[in-house]
Amino acid sequence: MIQLKKWTRIKRQINQSTELKVGLFFLLILVLIAIFADVIATHDPTFLNDDLLAPPSRTYLFGTDALGRDLFSMVILGTRTSLSIGLIAALISNLLGIIIGAIAGYYGGWFDRLIAEVINVFMMVPTFFLIIIVVALYGSSILNIILVIALTSWTGAARMMRSQVIALKERTFIKSLITLGESDWRIITRHIVPNGIYPIITSAASSVSGAILYESALSFLGLGDPLQPSWGRIVYNGKSYLTRAWWVALFGGLFLVITVYAFHLIAEGFNQISNPLRQEEL
């Protein structure tokens, strides 16, 4: 009964946020495209046709690039690549940030001071510059790109979770649990993290779009995985033909904009429904 009421409240909150509904709608479409990309694609995206730089038509919906590859199929397959990188990198970075921030905020002491200094170092070093260096040194495979984005983007989640934990551990119900002998692990995982996770959820939605943009920027600079279709690489391949074959760069960039905007709407929607004042209204 309690779970039913909880889900009813969540559904009501989602219905109250137009941004969240629109963002989730676009995300659902993108996820379906990624799942059924092999079915939706009309051509083999690696096949080199004789129709070089063919404009959009019934045969080639988005046209072809300078090598004769079908852009529609490349963009559709690129959806799977970009979403996978964004979601997995954001999941790893936020989980890492939550764990480190929760431990640092709860126990304090030397570990908290160490994490605070590490976060300050990461904030001083341009993240994208660090990502470029690591990818250039260790290779541009999809796995390397995911790991380097995740391991350089955890500090935001850690900083927010640390501040949430520091505030929550002074609350009466947490002090009561400590007095009753509740283990630190159960206090952190069952009471502190669930109550302090809401700002992290909002940040996580934004970090997905950030990871997608990082990967696209790497591909645009020629540092992406050459074996995987990517929106950034499509735009990179089309930048030399903007004046006479605008379609080569347009559609990859358009999908990139739509995806980033969808996650922006989701983040804004979560921010609205997690606002205490808005929750009281609901």
C-alpha atoms as a PDB file:
ATOM      1  CA  MET A   1       0.000   0.000   0.000  1.00  0.00           C
ATOM      2  CA  ILE A   2       2.858   2.340   0.895  1.00  0.00           C
ATOM      3  CA  GLN A   3       4.659   1.511  -2.366  1.00  0.00           C
ATOM      4  CA  LEU A   4       1.449   2.163  -4.334  1.00  0.00           C
ATOM      5  CA  LYS A   5       1.078   5.596  -2.727  1.00  0.00           C
ATOM      6  CA  LYS A   6       4.738   6.327  -3.430  1.00  0.00           C
ATOM      7  CA  TRP A   7       4.420   5.464  -7.121  1.00  0.00           C
ATOM      8  CA  THR A   8       1.176   7.453  -7.353  1.00  0.00           C
ATOM      9  CA  ARG A   9       2.965  10.490  -5.947  1.00  0.00           C
ATOM     10  CA  ILE A  10       5.891  10.046  -8.348  1.00  0.00           C
ATOM     11  CA  LYS A  11       3.488   9.767 -11.289  1.00  0.00           C
ATOM     12  CA  ARG A  12       1.675  12.917 -10.151  1.00  0.00           C
ATOM     13  CA  GLN A  13       4.967  14.796  -9.841  1.00  0.00           C
ATOM     14  CA  ILE A  14       6.050  13.738 -13.325  1.00  0.00           C
ATOM     15  CA  ASN A  15       2.715  14.846 -14.761  1.00  0.00           C
ATOM     16  CA  GLN A  16       3.195  18.251 -13.129  1.00  0.00           C
ATOM     17  CA  SER A  17       6.529  18.822 -14.934  1.00  0.00           C
ATOM     18  CA  THR A  18       6.171  19.493 -18.653  1.00  0.00           C
ATOM     19  CA  GLU A  19       9.949  19.602 -19.087  1.00  0.00           C
ATOM     20  CA  LEU A  20      10.378  16.152 -17.557  1.00  0.00           C
ATOM     21  CA  LYS A  21       7.618  14.620 -19.687  1.00  0.00           C
ATOM     22  CA  VAL A  22       9.002  16.083 -22.909  1.00  0.00           C
ATOM     23  CA  GLY A  23      12.566  15.073 -22.012  1.00  0.00           C
ATOM     24  CA  LEU A  24      11.536  11.504 -21.148  1.00  0.00           C
ATOM     25  CA  PHE A  25       9.546  11.296 -24.384  1.00  0.00           C
ATOM     26  CA  PHE A  26      12.582  12.243 -26.475  1.00  0.00           C
ATOM     27  CA  LEU A  27      14.792   9.906 -24.440  1.00  0.00           C
ATOM     28  CA  LEU A  28      12.370   7.018 -25.002  1.00  0.00           C
ATOM     29  CA  ILE A  29      12.502   7.610 -28.763  1.00  0.00           C
ATOM     30  CA  LEU A  30      16.308   7.719 -28.717  1.00  0.00           C
ATOM     31  CA  VAL A  31      16.527   4.535 -26.638  1.00  0.00           C
ATOM     32  CA  LEU A  32      14.182   2.726 -29.044  1.00  0.00           C
ATOM     33  CA  ILE A  33      16.288   3.921 -31.970  1.00  0.00           C
ATOM     34  CA  ALA A  34      19.433   2.635 -30.242  1.00  0.00           C
ATOM     35  CA  ILE A  35      17.862  -0.751 -29.459  1.00  0.00           C
ATOM     36  CA  PHE A  36      16.444  -1.309 -32.936  1.00  0.00           C
ATOM     37  CA  ALA A  37      19.224   0.470 -34.838  1.00  0.00           C
ATOM     38  CA  ASP A  38      20.076  -2.596 -36.922  1.00  0.00           C
ATOM     39  CA  VAL A  39      16.440  -2.866 -38.027  1.00  0.00           C
ATOM     40  CA  ILE A  40      15.924   0.852 -38.684  1.00  0.00           C
ATOM     41  CA  ALA A  41      19.154   1.328 -40.641  1.00  0.00           C
ATOM     42  CA  THR A  42      18.450   1.104 -44.383  1.00  0.00           C
ATOM     43  CA  HIS A  43      22.040   0.379 -45.477  1.00  0.00           C
ATOM     44  CA  ASP A  44      25.278  -1.000 -44.141  1.00  0.00           C
ATOM     45  CA  PRO A  45      26.931   2.145 -42.670  1.00  0.00           C
ATOM     46  CA  THR A  46      30.391   0.820 -43.609  1.00  0.00           C
ATOM     47  CA  PHE A  47      29.563   0.035 -47.243  1.00  0.00           C
ATOM     48  CA  LEU A  48      31.185   2.380 -49.772  1.00  0.00           C
ATOM     49  CA  ASN A  49      28.680   3.225 -52.509  1.00  0.00           C
ATOM     50  CA  ASP A  50      29.471   4.819 -55.832  1.00  0.00           C
ATOM     51  CA  ASP A  51      27.119   7.731 -55.022  1.00  0.00           C
ATOM     52  CA  LEU A  52      29.554  10.158 -53.417  1.00  0.00           C
ATOM     53  CA  LEU A  53      28.060  13.164 -51.589  1.00  0.00           C
ATOM     54  CA  ALA A  54      24.579  12.273 -52.817  1.00  0.00           C
ATOM     55  CA  PRO A  55      21.930  14.659 -51.434  1.00  0.00           C
ATOM     56  CA  PRO A  56      19.015  13.425 -49.312  1.00  0.00           C
ATOM     57  CA  SER A  57      16.592  11.340 -51.374  1.00  0.00           C
ATOM     58  CA  ARG A  58      14.314   8.314 -51.147  1.00  0.00           C
ATOM     59  CA  THR A  59      17.308   6.026 -51.581  1.00  0.00           C
ATOM     60  CA  TYR A  60      19.509   7.851 -49.091  1.00  0.00           C
ATOM     61  CA  LEU A  61      17.282   9.609 -46.557  1.00  0.00           C
ATOM     62  CA  PHE A  62      20.102  11.769 -45.142  1.00  0.00           C
ATOM     63  CA  GLY A  63      22.319  11.594 -48.239  1.00  0.00           C
ATOM     64  CA  THR A  64      25.814  10.100 -48.387  1.00  0.00           C
ATOM     65  CA  ASP A  65      29.242  11.281 -47.302  1.00  0.00           C
ATOM     66  CA  ALA A  66      32.426  11.710 -49.339  1.00  0.00           C
ATOM     67  CA  LEU A  67      33.043   7.945 -49.252  1.00  0.00           C
ATOM     68  CA  GLY A  68      29.529   7.054 -50.366  1.00  0.00           C
ATOM     69  CA  ARG A  69      28.375   5.786 -46.963  1.00  0.00           C
ATOM     70  CA  ASP A  70      24.687   6.163 -46.107  1.00  0.00           C
ATOM     71  CA  LEU A  71      24.401   8.932 -43.510  1.00  0.00           C
ATOM     72  CA  PHE A  72      20.985   7.856 -42.228  1.00  0.00           C
ATOM     73  CA  SER A  73      22.358   4.461 -41.205  1.00  0.00           C
ATOM     74  CA  MET A  74      25.466   6.058 -39.705  1.00  0.00           C
ATOM     75  CA  VAL A  75      23.393   8.488 -37.633  1.00  0.00           C
ATOM     76  CA  ILE A  76      21.060   5.704 -36.445  1.00  0.00           C
ATOM     77  CA  LEU A  77      23.991   3.489 -35.407  1.00  0.00           C
ATOM     78  CA  GLY A  78      25.655   6.537 -33.871  1.00  0.00           C
ATOM     79  CA  THR A  79      22.673   6.860 -31.515  1.00  0.00           C
ATOM     80  CA  ARG A  80      23.626   3.555 -29.916  1.00  0.00           C
ATOM     81  CA  THR A  81      27.252   4.616 -29.559  1.00  0.00           C
ATOM     82  CA  SER A  82      26.544   8.039 -28.089  1.00  0.00           C
ATOM     83  CA  LEU A  83      23.830   6.894 -25.665  1.00  0.00           C
ATOM     84  CA  SER A  84      25.927   3.961 -24.461  1.00  0.00           C
ATOM     85  CA  ILE A  85      28.915   6.184 -23.768  1.00  0.00           C
ATOM     86  CA  GLY A  86      26.821   8.883 -22.091  1.00  0.00           C
ATOM     87  CA  LEU A  87      24.757   6.588 -19.864  1.00  0.00           C
ATOM     88  CA  ILE A  88      27.559   4.224 -18.828  1.00  0.00           C
ATOM     89  CA  ALA A  89      30.098   6.999 -18.190  1.00  0.00           C
ATOM     90  CA  ALA A  90      27.540   9.000 -16.178  1.00  0.00           C
ATOM     91  CA  LEU A  91      26.525   5.911 -14.177  1.00  0.00           C
ATOM     92  CA  ILE A  92      30.129   5.073 -13.265  1.00  0.00           C
ATOM     93  CA  SER A  93      31.102   8.653 -12.425  1.00  0.00           C
ATOM     94  CA  ASN A  94      28.032   9.296 -10.269  1.00  0.00           C
ATOM     95  CA  LEU A  95      28.278   5.981  -8.402  1.00  0.00           C
ATOM     96  CA  LEU A  96      31.946   6.681  -7.736  1.00  0.00           C
ATOM     97  CA  GLY A  97      31.144  10.218  -6.619  1.00  0.00           C
ATOM     98  CA  ILE A  98      28.322   9.074  -4.329  1.00  0.00           C
ATOM     99  CA  ILE A  99      30.496   6.438  -2.631  1.00  0.00           C
ATOM    100  CA  ILE A 100      33.514   8.692  -2.157  1.00  0.00           C
ATOM    101  CA  GLY A 101      31.450  11.714  -1.107  1.00  0.00           C
ATOM    102  CA  ALA A 102      29.353   9.707   1.366  1.00  0.00           C
ATOM    103  CA  ILE A 103      32.390   8.158   3.048  1.00  0.00           C
ATOM    104  CA  ALA A 104      34.292  11.456   3.165  1.00  0.00           C
ATOM    105  CA  GLY A 105      31.324  13.391   4.551  1.00  0.00           C
ATOM    106  CA  TYR A 106      30.346  10.783   7.128  1.00  0.00           C
ATOM    107  CA  TYR A 107      33.753   9.961   8.607  1.00  0.00           C
ATOM    108  CA  GLY A 108      35.512  13.290   8.041  1.00  0.00           C
ATOM    109  CA  GLY A 109      39.105  13.437   9.250  1.00  0.00           C
ATOM    110  CA  TRP A 110      42.096  12.935   6.985  1.00  0.00           C
ATOM    111  CA  PHE A 111      40.130  11.147   4.294  1.00  0.00           C
ATOM    112  CA  ASP A 112      37.698  14.047   4.003  1.00  0.00           C
ATOM    113  CA  ARG A 113      40.570  16.529   3.759  1.00  0.00           C
ATOM    114  CA  LEU A 114      42.271  14.354   1.115  1.00  0.00           C
ATOM    115  CA  ILE A 115      39.115  14.119  -1.003  1.00  0.00           C
ATOM    116  CA  ALA A 116      38.555  17.866  -0.697  1.00  0.00           C
ATOM    117  CA  GLU A 117      42.077  18.511  -2.010  1.00  0.00           C
ATOM    118  CA  VAL A 118      41.639  16.007  -4.852  1.00  0.00           C
ATOM    119  CA  ILE A 119      38.387  17.720  -5.857  1.00  0.00           C
ATOM    120  CA  ASN A 120      40.142  21.099  -5.811  1.00  0.00           C
ATOM    121  CA  VAL A 121      42.891  19.732  -8.081  1.00  0.00           C
ATOM    122  CA  PHE A 122      40.330  18.365 -10.560  1.00  0.00           C
ATOM    123  CA  MET A 123      38.511  21.704 -10.525  1.00  0.00           C
ATOM    124  CA  MET A 124      41.718  23.561 -11.376  1.00  0.00           C
ATOM    125  CA  VAL A 125      42.640  21.271 -14.287  1.00  0.00           C
ATOM    126  CA  PRO A 126      40.464  21.640 -17.429  1.00  0.00           C
ATOM    127  CA  THR A 127      38.593  18.334 -17.650  1.00  0.00           C
ATOM    128  CA  PHE A 128      38.461  18.119 -21.418  1.00  0.00           C
ATOM    129  CA  PHE A 129      42.180  18.874 -21.707  1.00  0.00           C
ATOM    130  CA  LEU A 130      42.875  15.991 -19.288  1.00  0.00           C
ATOM    131  CA  ILE A 131      40.586  13.674 -21.284  1.00  0.00           C
ATOM    132  CA  ILE A 132      42.433  14.538 -24.516  1.00  0.00           C
ATOM    133  CA  ILE A 133      45.808  13.727 -22.938  1.00  0.00           C
ATOM    134  CA  VAL A 134      44.673  10.358 -21.530  1.00  0.00           C
ATOM    135  CA  VAL A 135      42.947   9.295 -24.768  1.00  0.00           C
ATOM    136  CA  ALA A 136      45.981  10.339 -26.821  1.00  0.00           C
ATOM    137  CA  LEU A 137      48.273   8.284 -24.558  1.00  0.00           C
ATOM    138  CA  TYR A 138      46.190   5.145 -24.025  1.00  0.00           C
ATOM    139  CA  GLY A 139      44.102   4.897 -27.178  1.00  0.00           C
ATOM    140  CA  SER A 140      40.671   5.947 -28.353  1.00  0.00           C
ATOM    141  CA  SER A 141      38.658   2.751 -27.938  1.00  0.00           C
ATOM    142  CA  ILE A 142      35.100   3.058 -26.635  1.00  0.00           C
ATOM    143  CA  LEU A 143      36.117   1.457 -23.326  1.00  0.00           C
ATOM    144  CA  ASN A 144      38.967   3.925 -22.823  1.00  0.00           C
ATOM    145  CA  ILE A 145      36.709   6.873 -23.653  1.00  0.00           C
ATOM    146  CA  ILE A 146      34.042   5.715 -21.176  1.00  0.00           C
ATOM    147  CA  LEU A 147      36.572   5.138 -18.397  1.00  0.00           C
ATOM    148  CA  VAL A 148      38.436   8.410 -18.861  1.00  0.00           C
ATOM    149  CA  ILE A 149      35.202  10.439 -18.947  1.00  0.00           C
ATOM    150  CA  ALA A 150      33.897   8.640 -15.854  1.00  0.00           C
ATOM    151  CA  LEU A 151      37.139   8.954 -13.879  1.00  0.00           C
ATOM    152  CA  THR A 152      37.432  12.675 -14.592  1.00  0.00           C
ATOM    153  CA  SER A 153      33.780  13.577 -13.955  1.00  0.00           C
ATOM    154  CA  TRP A 154      33.065  12.095 -10.510  1.00  0.00           C
ATOM    155  CA  THR A 155      34.065  15.147  -8.503  1.00  0.00           C
ATOM    156  CA  GLY A 156      30.785  17.037  -8.960  1.00  0.00           C
ATOM    157  CA  ALA A 157      28.704  14.172  -7.562  1.00  0.00           C
ATOM    158  CA  ALA A 158      31.227  13.635  -4.746  1.00  0.00           C
ATOM    159  CA  ARG A 159      31.137  17.297  -3.741  1.00  0.00           C
ATOM    160  CA  MET A 160      27.328  17.378  -3.644  1.00  0.00           C
ATOM    161  CA  MET A 161      27.009  14.082  -1.783  1.00  0.00           C
ATOM    162  CA  ARG A 162      29.668  15.141   0.727  1.00  0.00           C
ATOM    163  CA  SER A 163      27.763  18.327   1.546  1.00  0.00           C
ATOM    164  CA  GLN A 164      24.490  16.397   1.818  1.00  0.00           C
ATOM    165  CA  VAL A 165      26.023  13.854   4.197  1.00  0.00           C
ATOM    166  CA  ILE A 166      27.617  16.520   6.393  1.00  0.00           C
ATOM    167  CA  ALA A 167      24.214  18.177   6.790  1.00  0.00           C
ATOM    168  CA  LEU A 168      22.236  14.953   7.270  1.00  0.00           C
ATOM    169  CA  LYS A 169      24.517  13.326   9.841  1.00  0.00           C
ATOM    170  CA  GLU A 170      23.727  16.148  12.265  1.00  0.00           C
ATOM    171  CA  ARG A 171      19.998  15.443  12.043  1.00  0.00           C
ATOM    172  CA  THR A 172      18.262  13.986  15.086  1.00  0.00           C
ATOM    173  CA  PHE A 173      17.185  10.730  13.442  1.00  0.00           C
ATOM    174  CA  ILE A 174      20.767   9.939  12.363  1.00  0.00           C
ATOM    175  CA  LYS A 175      22.119  10.656  15.850  1.00  0.00           C
ATOM    176  CA  SER A 176      19.386   8.414  17.270  1.00  0.00           C
ATOM    177  CA  LEU A 177      20.420   5.570  14.956  1.00  0.00           C
ATOM    178  CA  ILE A 178      24.054   5.959  16.035  1.00  0.00           C
ATOM    179  CA  THR A 179      22.977   5.878  19.698  1.00  0.00           C
ATOM    180  CA  LEU A 180      20.966   2.711  19.069  1.00  0.00           C
ATOM    181  CA  GLY A 181      24.070   1.007  17.686  1.00  0.00           C
ATOM    182  CA  GLU A 182      23.114   0.932  14.007  1.00  0.00           C
ATOM    183  CA  SER A 183      26.116   0.090  11.818  1.00  0.00           C
ATOM    184  CA  ASP A 184      27.742   2.875   9.838  1.00  0.00           C
ATOM    185  CA  TRP A 185      27.160   0.996   6.585  1.00  0.00           C
ATOM    186  CA  ARG A 186      23.405   0.705   7.161  1.00  0.00           C
ATOM    187  CA  ILE A 187      23.145   4.333   8.246  1.00  0.00           C
ATOM    188  CA  ILE A 188      24.943   5.507   5.109  1.00  0.00           C
ATOM    189  CA  THR A 189      23.182   3.220   2.615  1.00  0.00           C
ATOM    190  CA  ARG A 190      19.687   3.075   4.149  1.00  0.00           C
ATOM    191  CA  HIS A 191      19.200   6.550   5.587  1.00  0.00           C
ATOM    192  CA  ILE A 192      21.769   9.140   4.484  1.00  0.00           C
ATOM    193  CA  VAL A 193      22.271   8.381   0.774  1.00  0.00           C
ATOM    194  CA  PRO A 194      18.531   7.894  -0.028  1.00  0.00           C
ATOM    195  CA  ASN A 195      17.722  11.215   1.651  1.00  0.00           C
ATOM    196  CA  GLY A 196      20.569  13.099  -0.031  1.00  0.00           C
ATOM    197  CA  ILE A 197      20.383  11.578  -3.500  1.00  0.00           C
ATOM    198  CA  TYR A 198      17.922  14.015  -5.102  1.00  0.00           C
ATOM    199  CA  PRO A 199      20.439  16.724  -6.131  1.00  0.00           C
ATOM    200  CA  ILE A 200      22.674  13.944  -7.495  1.00  0.00           C
ATOM    201  CA  ILE A 201      19.867  12.650  -9.736  1.00  0.00           C
ATOM    202  CA  THR A 202      19.468  16.090 -11.273  1.00  0.00           C
ATOM    203  CA  SER A 203      23.218  16.357 -11.765  1.00  0.00           C
ATOM    204  CA  ALA A 204      23.381  12.829 -13.226  1.00  0.00           C
ATOM    205  CA  ALA A 205      20.973  13.760 -16.023  1.00  0.00           C
ATOM    206  CA  SER A 206      23.209  16.695 -16.928  1.00  0.00           C
ATOM    207  CA  SER A 207      26.341  14.535 -16.722  1.00  0.00           C
ATOM    208  CA  VAL A 208      24.930  12.173 -19.369  1.00  0.00           C
ATOM    209  CA  SER A 209      24.699  15.019 -21.882  1.00  0.00           C
ATOM    210  CA  GLY A 210      28.145  16.182 -20.781  1.00  0.00           C
ATOM    211  CA  ALA A 211      29.636  12.745 -21.469  1.00  0.00           C
ATOM    212  CA  ILE A 212      27.969  12.636 -24.898  1.00  0.00           C
ATOM    213  CA  LEU A 213      29.405  16.052 -25.719  1.00  0.00           C
ATOM    214  CA  TYR A 214      32.885  14.985 -24.549  1.00  0.00           C
ATOM    215  CA  GLU A 215      32.780  11.925 -26.814  1.00  0.00           C
ATOM    216  CA  SER A 216      31.479  13.980 -29.735  1.00  0.00           C
ATOM    217  CA  ALA A 217      34.193  16.580 -29.217  1.00  0.00           C
ATOM    218  CA  LEU A 218      36.861  13.855 -29.142  1.00  0.00           C
ATOM    219  CA  SER A 219      35.478  12.363 -32.360  1.00  0.00           C
ATOM    220  CA  PHE A 220      35.329  15.815 -33.940  1.00  0.00           C
ATOM    221  CA  LEU A 221      39.019  16.254 -33.126  1.00  0.00           C
ATOM    222  CA  GLY A 222      39.805  12.860 -34.644  1.00  0.00           C
ATOM    223  CA  LEU A 223      40.398  11.166 -31.256  1.00  0.00           C
ATOM    224  CA  GLY A 224      37.245   9.045 -31.179  1.00  0.00           C
ATOM    225  CA  ASP A 225      37.006   5.322 -31.870  1.00  0.00           C
ATOM    226  CA  PRO A 226      37.378   5.012 -35.672  1.00  0.00           C
ATOM    227  CA  LEU A 227      35.629   1.624 -35.625  1.00  0.00           C
ATOM    228  CA  GLN A 228      32.368   2.956 -34.188  1.00  0.00           C
ATOM    229  CA  PRO A 229      29.888   5.332 -35.904  1.00  0.00           C
ATOM    230  CA  SER A 230      29.605   8.528 -33.896  1.00  0.00           C
ATOM    231  CA  TRP A 231      27.734  11.808 -34.300  1.00  0.00           C
ATOM    232  CA  GLY A 232      30.906  13.739 -33.584  1.00  0.00           C
ATOM    233  CA  ARG A 233      32.831  11.825 -36.251  1.00  0.00           C
ATOM    234  CA  ILE A 234      30.024  12.383 -38.758  1.00  0.00           C
ATOM    235  CA  VAL A 235      30.225  16.144 -38.134  1.00  0.00           C
ATOM    236  CA  TYR A 236      34.024  15.928 -38.353  1.00  0.00           C
ATOM    237  CA  ASN A 237      33.778  14.181 -41.736  1.00  0.00           C
ATOM    238  CA  GLY A 238      31.349  16.790 -43.006  1.00  0.00           C
ATOM    239  CA  LYS A 239      33.096  19.981 -41.922  1.00  0.00           C
ATOM    240  CA  SER A 240      35.116  20.121 -45.155  1.00  0.00           C
ATOM    241  CA  TYR A 241      31.959  19.959 -47.281  1.00  0.00           C
ATOM    242  CA  LEU A 242      29.694  22.479 -45.550  1.00  0.00           C
ATOM    243  CA  THR A 243      29.497  24.775 -48.570  1.00  0.00           C
ATOM    244  CA  ARG A 244      28.610  22.092 -51.148  1.00  0.00           C
ATOM    245  CA  ALA A 245      27.277  19.137 -49.126  1.00  0.00           C
ATOM    246  CA  TRP A 246      25.638  20.584 -46.013  1.00  0.00           C
ATOM    247  CA  TRP A 247      23.770  17.372 -45.244  1.00  0.00           C
ATOM    248  CA  VAL A 248      26.931  15.480 -44.275  1.00  0.00           C
ATOM    249  CA  ALA A 249      27.361  17.431 -41.027  1.00  0.00           C
ATOM    250  CA  LEU A 250      23.778  18.559 -40.452  1.00  0.00           C
ATOM    251  CA  PHE A 251      21.970  15.411 -39.326  1.00  0.00           C
ATOM    252  CA  GLY A 252      24.635  14.151 -36.936  1.00  0.00           C
ATOM    253  CA  GLY A 253      24.769  17.575 -35.311  1.00  0.00           C
ATOM    254  CA  LEU A 254      20.971  17.752 -35.187  1.00  0.00           C
ATOM    255  CA  PHE A 255      20.690  14.438 -33.329  1.00  0.00           C
ATOM    256  CA  LEU A 256      23.402  15.604 -30.954  1.00  0.00           C
ATOM    257  CA  VAL A 257      21.501  18.811 -30.170  1.00  0.00           C
ATOM    258  CA  ILE A 258      18.212  16.946 -29.641  1.00  0.00           C
ATOM    259  CA  THR A 259      19.835  14.433 -27.269  1.00  0.00           C
ATOM    260  CA  VAL A 260      21.603  17.060 -25.173  1.00  0.00           C
ATOM    261  CA  TYR A 261      18.425  19.133 -25.000  1.00  0.00           C
ATOM    262  CA  ALA A 262      16.405  16.076 -23.924  1.00  0.00           C
ATOM    263  CA  PHE A 263      18.716  15.440 -20.973  1.00  0.00           C
ATOM    264  CA  HIS A 264      18.644  19.149 -20.134  1.00  0.00           C
ATOM    265  CA  LEU A 265      14.842  18.951 -19.917  1.00  0.00           C
ATOM    266  CA  ILE A 266      15.055  15.821 -17.767  1.00  0.00           C
ATOM    267  CA  ALA A 267      17.501  17.514 -15.393  1.00  0.00           C
ATOM    268  CA  GLU A 268      15.280  20.593 -15.177  1.00  0.00           C
ATOM    269  CA  GLY A 269      12.241  18.406 -14.541  1.00  0.00           C
ATOM    270  CA  PHE A 270      13.958  16.469 -11.746  1.00  0.00           C
ATOM    271  CA  ASN A 271      15.088  19.769 -10.261  1.00  0.00           C
ATOM    272  CA  GLN A 272      11.479  20.951 -10.169  1.00  0.00           C
ATOM    273  CA  ILE A 273       9.973  17.844  -8.562  1.00  0.00           C
ATOM    274  CA  SER A 274      12.801  17.562  -6.017  1.00  0.00           C
ATOM    275  CA  ASN A 275      12.376  21.193  -4.917  1.00  0.00           C
ATOM    276  CA  PRO A 276      10.964  21.113  -1.364  1.00  0.00           C
ATOM    277  CA  LEU A 277       8.604  24.030  -2.081  1.00  0.00           C
ATOM    278  CA  ARG A 278       7.293  22.282  -5.181  1.00  0.00           C
ATOM    279  CA  GLN A 279       6.845  19.013  -3.262  1.00  0.00           C
ATOM    280  CA  GLU A 280       4.696  20.784  -0.669  1.00  0.00           C
ATOM    281  CA  GLU A 281       2.483  22.067  -3.491  1.00  0.00           C
ATOM    282  CA  LEU A 282       2.150  18.529  -4.823  1.00  0.00           C
END
